Amino acid sequence: MAKRKTSAGLTNLERFGGTAFFVFYLLLLPLAAGPARRLAEELLDRRISEELYGAVYYYALFAVTAVLFHHLLGTSTRRFLDGPARAFKTAGVGVVAHYGLCELASRLGRVFVDRSGNLNDSAISARTGSAPHMTLLILVFLAPFVEETLFRGLVFGGLKEKNRLLAYAASCALFALVHVWQFAVANRDPAYFLRMVQYLIPGLVLAWAYDHSGTLWSSISLHAGVNALSALAGSL
């Protein structure tokens, strides 16, 4: 079967407004989250749990993403409806590729880079134990939707029209960066940046799923499935 041609389907508003939102999401929002939570607690005169705040945080991101990228998501949905079997098959192949390649990378990482485990898996395991339902809502629905729209739809899709290799490199690198830089800053330890290698393969597989299927719903399904399996493994 011939590879399906993919274009970004981005409007000018999505390109420029989406880029501004992406920079805010990547660099500024994580720093503003703590102060915003403390301000909300003062205004409401009550403590807001980590789980509740996380749900509100991702609901807000979900809403902004859905409104801002409505044209891209509409285009992606039409492509999905044109060939749902291809999208789900791509997601299934992606799950197998993700775990196979990540296992290989993990073995190499323990030898050359890091021995302390995956930061994302550790966070998922901790949150699943304290608030399983809310955590699953974030992991399986909200976070994959937001991250795939931004990293694959905006970054990969926008750059692919100019250079496919650059699109893969940039989307993978930024996806890895967003998962580690806060730990590096919070712990004042640049060594955390070495753990970006843990996220390069997932980013690569997710970008391939979007590129191969032509629809974001394939990479969203893949991302959601991997997160669900990680949450299940962490709860056992």
C-alpha atoms as a PDB file:
ATOM      1  CA  MET A   1       0.000   0.000   0.000  1.00  0.00           C
ATOM      2  CA  ALA A   2       1.355   3.400  -0.988  1.00  0.00           C
ATOM      3  CA  LYS A   3       2.201   5.787   1.752  1.00  0.00           C
ATOM      4  CA  ARG A   4      -0.525   8.343   2.273  1.00  0.00           C
ATOM      5  CA  LYS A   5       0.496  11.883   1.455  1.00  0.00           C
ATOM      6  CA  THR A   6       0.276  14.175   4.463  1.00  0.00           C
ATOM      7  CA  SER A   7       0.061  17.949   4.475  1.00  0.00           C
ATOM      8  CA  ALA A   8      -0.154  19.960   7.654  1.00  0.00           C
ATOM      9  CA  GLY A   9      -3.607  21.395   7.002  1.00  0.00           C
ATOM     10  CA  LEU A  10      -2.658  24.428   9.117  1.00  0.00           C
ATOM     11  CA  THR A  11      -4.205  27.847   8.583  1.00  0.00           C
ATOM     12  CA  ASN A  12      -2.127  30.995   9.048  1.00  0.00           C
ATOM     13  CA  LEU A  13      -3.862  31.616  12.380  1.00  0.00           C
ATOM     14  CA  GLU A  14      -2.958  28.105  13.509  1.00  0.00           C
ATOM     15  CA  ARG A  15       0.641  28.552  12.401  1.00  0.00           C
ATOM     16  CA  PHE A  16       1.280  31.876  14.113  1.00  0.00           C
ATOM     17  CA  GLY A  17      -1.183  31.696  16.993  1.00  0.00           C
ATOM     18  CA  GLY A  18      -0.290  28.049  17.540  1.00  0.00           C
ATOM     19  CA  THR A  19       3.431  28.823  17.599  1.00  0.00           C
ATOM     20  CA  ALA A  20       2.899  31.520  20.244  1.00  0.00           C
ATOM     21  CA  PHE A  21       0.789  29.132  22.310  1.00  0.00           C
ATOM     22  CA  PHE A  22       3.380  26.380  21.872  1.00  0.00           C
ATOM     23  CA  VAL A  23       6.210  28.580  23.177  1.00  0.00           C
ATOM     24  CA  PHE A  24       4.032  29.542  26.150  1.00  0.00           C
ATOM     25  CA  TYR A  25       3.169  25.870  26.766  1.00  0.00           C
ATOM     26  CA  LEU A  26       6.757  24.695  26.429  1.00  0.00           C
ATOM     27  CA  LEU A  27       8.655  27.314  28.407  1.00  0.00           C
ATOM     28  CA  LEU A  28       6.395  29.625  30.413  1.00  0.00           C
ATOM     29  CA  LEU A  29       3.350  27.649  31.516  1.00  0.00           C
ATOM     30  CA  PRO A  30       5.291  25.095  33.614  1.00  0.00           C
ATOM     31  CA  LEU A  31       6.887  27.956  35.553  1.00  0.00           C
ATOM     32  CA  ALA A  32       3.546  29.732  36.009  1.00  0.00           C
ATOM     33  CA  ALA A  33       1.657  26.609  37.129  1.00  0.00           C
ATOM     34  CA  GLY A  34       2.903  26.673  40.741  1.00  0.00           C
ATOM     35  CA  PRO A  35       2.209  30.377  41.397  1.00  0.00           C
ATOM     36  CA  ALA A  36      -1.188  30.077  39.663  1.00  0.00           C
ATOM     37  CA  ARG A  37      -2.131  27.194  41.938  1.00  0.00           C
ATOM     38  CA  ARG A  38      -1.120  29.097  45.065  1.00  0.00           C
ATOM     39  CA  LEU A  39      -3.088  32.141  43.915  1.00  0.00           C
ATOM     40  CA  ALA A  40      -6.171  29.990  43.287  1.00  0.00           C
ATOM     41  CA  GLU A  41      -5.853  28.486  46.762  1.00  0.00           C
ATOM     42  CA  GLU A  42      -5.705  31.946  48.313  1.00  0.00           C
ATOM     43  CA  LEU A  43      -8.703  33.190  46.358  1.00  0.00           C
ATOM     44  CA  LEU A  44     -10.767  30.094  47.153  1.00  0.00           C
ATOM     45  CA  ASP A  45      -9.411  29.846  50.704  1.00  0.00           C
ATOM     46  CA  ARG A  46      -8.911  26.108  50.355  1.00  0.00           C
ATOM     47  CA  ARG A  47      -6.215  23.641  49.403  1.00  0.00           C
ATOM     48  CA  ILE A  48      -6.315  22.317  45.851  1.00  0.00           C
ATOM     49  CA  SER A  49      -5.046  18.777  45.517  1.00  0.00           C
ATOM     50  CA  GLU A  50      -2.318  17.930  43.037  1.00  0.00           C
ATOM     51  CA  GLU A  51      -4.701  15.635  41.171  1.00  0.00           C
ATOM     52  CA  LEU A  52      -7.502  18.195  40.875  1.00  0.00           C
ATOM     53  CA  TYR A  53      -5.118  20.922  39.794  1.00  0.00           C
ATOM     54  CA  GLY A  54      -3.628  18.601  37.172  1.00  0.00           C
ATOM     55  CA  ALA A  55      -7.074  17.860  35.765  1.00  0.00           C
ATOM     56  CA  VAL A  56      -8.006  21.561  35.583  1.00  0.00           C
ATOM     57  CA  TYR A  57      -4.620  22.337  34.036  1.00  0.00           C
ATOM     58  CA  TYR A  58      -5.050  19.777  31.261  1.00  0.00           C
ATOM     59  CA  TYR A  59      -8.733  20.578  30.702  1.00  0.00           C
ATOM     60  CA  ALA A  60      -7.708  24.192  30.046  1.00  0.00           C
ATOM     61  CA  LEU A  61      -4.947  23.090  27.664  1.00  0.00           C
ATOM     62  CA  PHE A  62      -7.389  20.741  25.945  1.00  0.00           C
ATOM     63  CA  ALA A  63      -9.950  23.506  25.437  1.00  0.00           C
ATOM     64  CA  VAL A  64      -7.435  26.025  24.077  1.00  0.00           C
ATOM     65  CA  THR A  65      -5.895  23.405  21.783  1.00  0.00           C
ATOM     66  CA  ALA A  66      -9.272  22.297  20.423  1.00  0.00           C
ATOM     67  CA  VAL A  67     -10.362  25.871  19.672  1.00  0.00           C
ATOM     68  CA  LEU A  68      -7.036  27.109  18.322  1.00  0.00           C
ATOM     69  CA  PHE A  69      -6.404  24.117  16.045  1.00  0.00           C
ATOM     70  CA  HIS A  70      -9.991  23.390  14.994  1.00  0.00           C
ATOM     71  CA  HIS A  71      -9.161  23.447  11.265  1.00  0.00           C
ATOM     72  CA  LEU A  72      -6.196  21.084  11.630  1.00  0.00           C
ATOM     73  CA  LEU A  73      -8.248  18.730  13.803  1.00  0.00           C
ATOM     74  CA  GLY A  74     -11.141  18.842  11.363  1.00  0.00           C
ATOM     75  CA  THR A  75      -8.842  17.948   8.468  1.00  0.00           C
ATOM     76  CA  SER A  76      -7.305  15.161  10.516  1.00  0.00           C
ATOM     77  CA  THR A  77     -10.727  13.798  11.438  1.00  0.00           C
ATOM     78  CA  ARG A  78     -11.833  13.678   7.793  1.00  0.00           C
ATOM     79  CA  ARG A  79      -8.667  11.788   6.887  1.00  0.00           C
ATOM     80  CA  PHE A  80      -9.308   9.367   9.710  1.00  0.00           C
ATOM     81  CA  LEU A  81     -12.880   8.737   8.554  1.00  0.00           C
ATOM     82  CA  ASP A  82     -11.590   8.118   5.017  1.00  0.00           C
ATOM     83  CA  GLY A  83      -9.485   5.202   6.269  1.00  0.00           C
ATOM     84  CA  PRO A  84      -9.938   4.278   9.952  1.00  0.00           C
ATOM     85  CA  ALA A  85      -8.462   0.813   9.444  1.00  0.00           C
ATOM     86  CA  ARG A  86      -5.179   2.297   8.241  1.00  0.00           C
ATOM     87  CA  ALA A  87      -5.046   4.675  11.207  1.00  0.00           C
ATOM     88  CA  PHE A  88      -5.616   1.915  13.767  1.00  0.00           C
ATOM     89  CA  LYS A  89      -3.214  -0.444  12.007  1.00  0.00           C
ATOM     90  CA  THR A  90      -0.550   2.264  12.101  1.00  0.00           C
ATOM     91  CA  ALA A  91      -1.196   2.815  15.812  1.00  0.00           C
ATOM     92  CA  GLY A  92      -0.890  -0.935  16.456  1.00  0.00           C
ATOM     93  CA  VAL A  93       2.398  -1.173  14.588  1.00  0.00           C
ATOM     94  CA  GLY A  94       3.542   1.899  16.489  1.00  0.00           C
ATOM     95  CA  VAL A  95       2.889   0.268  19.870  1.00  0.00           C
ATOM     96  CA  VAL A  96       5.048  -2.721  18.902  1.00  0.00           C
ATOM     97  CA  ALA A  97       7.793  -0.471  17.510  1.00  0.00           C
ATOM     98  CA  HIS A  98       7.656   1.775  20.570  1.00  0.00           C
ATOM     99  CA  TYR A  99       8.199  -1.001  23.098  1.00  0.00           C
ATOM    100  CA  GLY A 100      10.770  -2.825  20.989  1.00  0.00           C
ATOM    101  CA  LEU A 101      12.893   0.241  20.289  1.00  0.00           C
ATOM    102  CA  CYS A 102      12.470   1.655  23.799  1.00  0.00           C
ATOM    103  CA  GLU A 103      13.676  -1.589  25.319  1.00  0.00           C
ATOM    104  CA  LEU A 104      16.786  -1.422  23.164  1.00  0.00           C
ATOM    105  CA  ALA A 105      17.328   2.243  24.060  1.00  0.00           C
ATOM    106  CA  SER A 106      16.797   1.484  27.749  1.00  0.00           C
ATOM    107  CA  ARG A 107      19.477  -1.180  27.708  1.00  0.00           C
ATOM    108  CA  LEU A 108      21.914   1.176  25.995  1.00  0.00           C
ATOM    109  CA  GLY A 109      20.923   4.013  28.314  1.00  0.00           C
ATOM    110  CA  ARG A 110      21.655   1.982  31.431  1.00  0.00           C
ATOM    111  CA  VAL A 111      25.122   1.324  30.079  1.00  0.00           C
ATOM    112  CA  PHE A 112      26.038   4.770  28.781  1.00  0.00           C
ATOM    113  CA  VAL A 113      23.742   7.401  30.262  1.00  0.00           C
ATOM    114  CA  ASP A 114      21.445   6.677  33.156  1.00  0.00           C
ATOM    115  CA  ARG A 115      20.478   3.918  35.543  1.00  0.00           C
ATOM    116  CA  SER A 116      17.618   5.509  37.455  1.00  0.00           C
ATOM    117  CA  GLY A 117      14.672   4.691  35.204  1.00  0.00           C
ATOM    118  CA  ASN A 118      12.259   6.620  33.048  1.00  0.00           C
ATOM    119  CA  LEU A 119      10.999   9.898  34.533  1.00  0.00           C
ATOM    120  CA  ASN A 120       7.630   9.625  32.812  1.00  0.00           C
ATOM    121  CA  ASP A 121       6.999   6.070  34.027  1.00  0.00           C
ATOM    122  CA  SER A 122       7.934   7.057  37.586  1.00  0.00           C
ATOM    123  CA  ALA A 123       5.538  10.012  37.543  1.00  0.00           C
ATOM    124  CA  ILE A 124       2.738   7.894  36.069  1.00  0.00           C
ATOM    125  CA  SER A 125       3.217   5.197  38.694  1.00  0.00           C
ATOM    126  CA  ALA A 126       3.126   7.717  41.570  1.00  0.00           C
ATOM    127  CA  ARG A 127       0.019   9.538  40.341  1.00  0.00           C
ATOM    128  CA  THR A 128      -1.863   6.371  39.431  1.00  0.00           C
ATOM    129  CA  GLY A 129      -1.518   5.117  42.969  1.00  0.00           C
ATOM    130  CA  SER A 130      -2.895   8.297  44.576  1.00  0.00           C
ATOM    131  CA  ALA A 131      -5.674   9.219  42.116  1.00  0.00           C
ATOM    132  CA  PRO A 132      -6.151   6.496  39.491  1.00  0.00           C
ATOM    133  CA  HIS A 133      -9.299   7.763  37.762  1.00  0.00           C
ATOM    134  CA  MET A 134      -8.213  11.365  37.371  1.00  0.00           C
ATOM    135  CA  THR A 135      -4.726  10.301  36.332  1.00  0.00           C
ATOM    136  CA  LEU A 136      -6.087   7.981  33.659  1.00  0.00           C
ATOM    137  CA  LEU A 137      -8.298  10.775  32.338  1.00  0.00           C
ATOM    138  CA  ILE A 138      -5.225  12.971  31.901  1.00  0.00           C
ATOM    139  CA  LEU A 139      -2.922  10.255  30.576  1.00  0.00           C
ATOM    140  CA  VAL A 140      -5.272   8.522  28.167  1.00  0.00           C
ATOM    141  CA  PHE A 141      -7.369  11.409  26.895  1.00  0.00           C
ATOM    142  CA  LEU A 142      -6.237  14.953  27.666  1.00  0.00           C
ATOM    143  CA  ALA A 143      -2.414  14.800  27.478  1.00  0.00           C
ATOM    144  CA  PRO A 144      -2.192  12.739  24.245  1.00  0.00           C
ATOM    145  CA  PHE A 145      -4.641  15.081  22.520  1.00  0.00           C
ATOM    146  CA  VAL A 146      -2.739  18.223  23.534  1.00  0.00           C
ATOM    147  CA  GLU A 147       0.767  16.874  22.944  1.00  0.00           C
ATOM    148  CA  GLU A 148       0.040  15.246  19.597  1.00  0.00           C
ATOM    149  CA  THR A 149      -1.698  18.338  18.263  1.00  0.00           C
ATOM    150  CA  LEU A 150       1.256  20.503  19.257  1.00  0.00           C
ATOM    151  CA  PHE A 151       4.294  18.302  18.645  1.00  0.00           C
ATOM    152  CA  ARG A 152       3.033  16.355  15.653  1.00  0.00           C
ATOM    153  CA  GLY A 153       0.323  18.558  14.145  1.00  0.00           C
ATOM    154  CA  LEU A 154       2.018  21.933  14.579  1.00  0.00           C
ATOM    155  CA  VAL A 155       5.759  21.233  14.758  1.00  0.00           C
ATOM    156  CA  PHE A 156       6.086  18.138  12.590  1.00  0.00           C
ATOM    157  CA  GLY A 157       3.291  19.045  10.176  1.00  0.00           C
ATOM    158  CA  GLY A 158       4.457  22.623   9.756  1.00  0.00           C
ATOM    159  CA  LEU A 159       8.115  21.735   9.173  1.00  0.00           C
ATOM    160  CA  LYS A 160       7.476  18.689   6.999  1.00  0.00           C
ATOM    161  CA  GLU A 161       6.370  20.892   4.121  1.00  0.00           C
ATOM    162  CA  LYS A 162       9.904  22.312   4.055  1.00  0.00           C
ATOM    163  CA  ASN A 163      12.062  19.380   5.148  1.00  0.00           C
ATOM    164  CA  ARG A 164      10.900  15.981   6.423  1.00  0.00           C
ATOM    165  CA  LEU A 165      14.177  15.219   8.214  1.00  0.00           C
ATOM    166  CA  LEU A 166      14.054  18.561  10.015  1.00  0.00           C
ATOM    167  CA  ALA A 167      10.439  17.880  10.968  1.00  0.00           C
ATOM    168  CA  TYR A 168      11.359  14.560  12.582  1.00  0.00           C
ATOM    169  CA  ALA A 169      14.400  16.017  14.358  1.00  0.00           C
ATOM    170  CA  ALA A 170      12.658  19.111  15.715  1.00  0.00           C
ATOM    171  CA  SER A 171       9.479  17.366  16.879  1.00  0.00           C
ATOM    172  CA  CYS A 172      11.459  14.599  18.604  1.00  0.00           C
ATOM    173  CA  ALA A 173      13.910  16.983  20.267  1.00  0.00           C
ATOM    174  CA  LEU A 174      11.211  19.346  21.547  1.00  0.00           C
ATOM    175  CA  PHE A 175       9.073  16.444  22.754  1.00  0.00           C
ATOM    176  CA  ALA A 176      12.066  15.150  24.712  1.00  0.00           C
ATOM    177  CA  LEU A 177      12.918  18.599  26.056  1.00  0.00           C
ATOM    178  CA  VAL A 178       9.457  19.294  27.476  1.00  0.00           C
ATOM    179  CA  HIS A 179       9.617  16.097  29.540  1.00  0.00           C
ATOM    180  CA  VAL A 180      12.955  16.809  31.249  1.00  0.00           C
ATOM    181  CA  TRP A 181      13.815  20.491  31.470  1.00  0.00           C
ATOM    182  CA  GLN A 182      11.622  21.159  34.501  1.00  0.00           C
ATOM    183  CA  PHE A 183      13.427  18.425  36.453  1.00  0.00           C
ATOM    184  CA  ALA A 184      16.782  19.937  35.478  1.00  0.00           C
ATOM    185  CA  VAL A 185      15.708  23.396  36.655  1.00  0.00           C
ATOM    186  CA  ALA A 186      13.959  22.221  39.833  1.00  0.00           C
ATOM    187  CA  ASN A 187      16.915  20.069  40.889  1.00  0.00           C
ATOM    188  CA  ARG A 188      19.552  22.432  39.502  1.00  0.00           C
ATOM    189  CA  ASP A 189      21.139  19.476  37.770  1.00  0.00           C
ATOM    190  CA  PRO A 190      21.970  19.747  34.033  1.00  0.00           C
ATOM    191  CA  ALA A 191      22.510  15.975  33.987  1.00  0.00           C
ATOM    192  CA  TYR A 192      18.741  15.604  33.672  1.00  0.00           C
ATOM    193  CA  PHE A 193      19.043  16.788  30.086  1.00  0.00           C
ATOM    194  CA  LEU A 194      20.850  13.529  29.320  1.00  0.00           C
ATOM    195  CA  ARG A 195      17.544  11.788  29.943  1.00  0.00           C
ATOM    196  CA  MET A 196      16.135  13.365  26.824  1.00  0.00           C
ATOM    197  CA  VAL A 197      17.350  10.231  25.090  1.00  0.00           C
ATOM    198  CA  GLN A 198      14.494   8.355  26.812  1.00  0.00           C
ATOM    199  CA  TYR A 199      11.953  10.362  24.811  1.00  0.00           C
ATOM    200  CA  LEU A 200      13.585  10.511  21.391  1.00  0.00           C
ATOM    201  CA  ILE A 201      12.320   7.103  20.301  1.00  0.00           C
ATOM    202  CA  PRO A 202       8.722   7.671  21.490  1.00  0.00           C
ATOM    203  CA  GLY A 203       8.790  11.008  19.683  1.00  0.00           C
ATOM    204  CA  LEU A 204      10.124   9.348  16.543  1.00  0.00           C
ATOM    205  CA  VAL A 205       7.481   6.610  16.565  1.00  0.00           C
ATOM    206  CA  LEU A 206       4.666   9.089  17.189  1.00  0.00           C
ATOM    207  CA  ALA A 207       5.852  11.323  14.355  1.00  0.00           C
ATOM    208  CA  TRP A 208       6.042   8.287  12.058  1.00  0.00           C
ATOM    209  CA  ALA A 209       2.478   7.313  12.977  1.00  0.00           C
ATOM    210  CA  TYR A 210       1.202  10.741  11.965  1.00  0.00           C
ATOM    211  CA  ASP A 211       3.360  10.850   8.852  1.00  0.00           C
ATOM    212  CA  HIS A 212       2.402   7.345   7.728  1.00  0.00           C
ATOM    213  CA  SER A 213      -1.343   7.500   8.399  1.00  0.00           C
ATOM    214  CA  GLY A 214      -1.983  11.127   7.511  1.00  0.00           C
ATOM    215  CA  THR A 215      -4.116  11.726  10.588  1.00  0.00           C
ATOM    216  CA  LEU A 216      -3.393  12.930  14.102  1.00  0.00           C
ATOM    217  CA  TRP A 217      -5.888  10.423  15.480  1.00  0.00           C
ATOM    218  CA  SER A 218      -3.419   7.663  14.723  1.00  0.00           C
ATOM    219  CA  SER A 219      -0.646   9.215  16.825  1.00  0.00           C
ATOM    220  CA  ILE A 220      -3.157  10.265  19.503  1.00  0.00           C
ATOM    221  CA  SER A 221      -4.422   6.666  19.733  1.00  0.00           C
ATOM    222  CA  LEU A 222      -0.853   5.359  19.888  1.00  0.00           C
ATOM    223  CA  HIS A 223       0.115   7.879  22.579  1.00  0.00           C
ATOM    224  CA  ALA A 224      -3.009   7.081  24.603  1.00  0.00           C
ATOM    225  CA  GLY A 225      -2.410   3.341  24.319  1.00  0.00           C
ATOM    226  CA  VAL A 226       1.202   3.580  25.459  1.00  0.00           C
ATOM    227  CA  ASN A 227       0.230   5.785  28.416  1.00  0.00           C
ATOM    228  CA  ALA A 228      -2.572   3.395  29.380  1.00  0.00           C
ATOM    229  CA  LEU A 229      -0.192   0.413  29.317  1.00  0.00           C
ATOM    230  CA  SER A 230       2.360   2.343  31.385  1.00  0.00           C
ATOM    231  CA  ALA A 231      -0.330   3.220  33.939  1.00  0.00           C
ATOM    232  CA  LEU A 232      -1.473  -0.406  34.072  1.00  0.00           C
ATOM    233  CA  ALA A 233       2.094  -1.648  34.554  1.00  0.00           C
ATOM    234  CA  GLY A 234       2.673   0.932  37.287  1.00  0.00           C
ATOM    235  CA  SER A 235      -0.421  -0.189  39.198  1.00  0.00           C
ATOM    236  CA  LEU A 236       0.554  -3.869  39.241  1.00  0.00           C
END
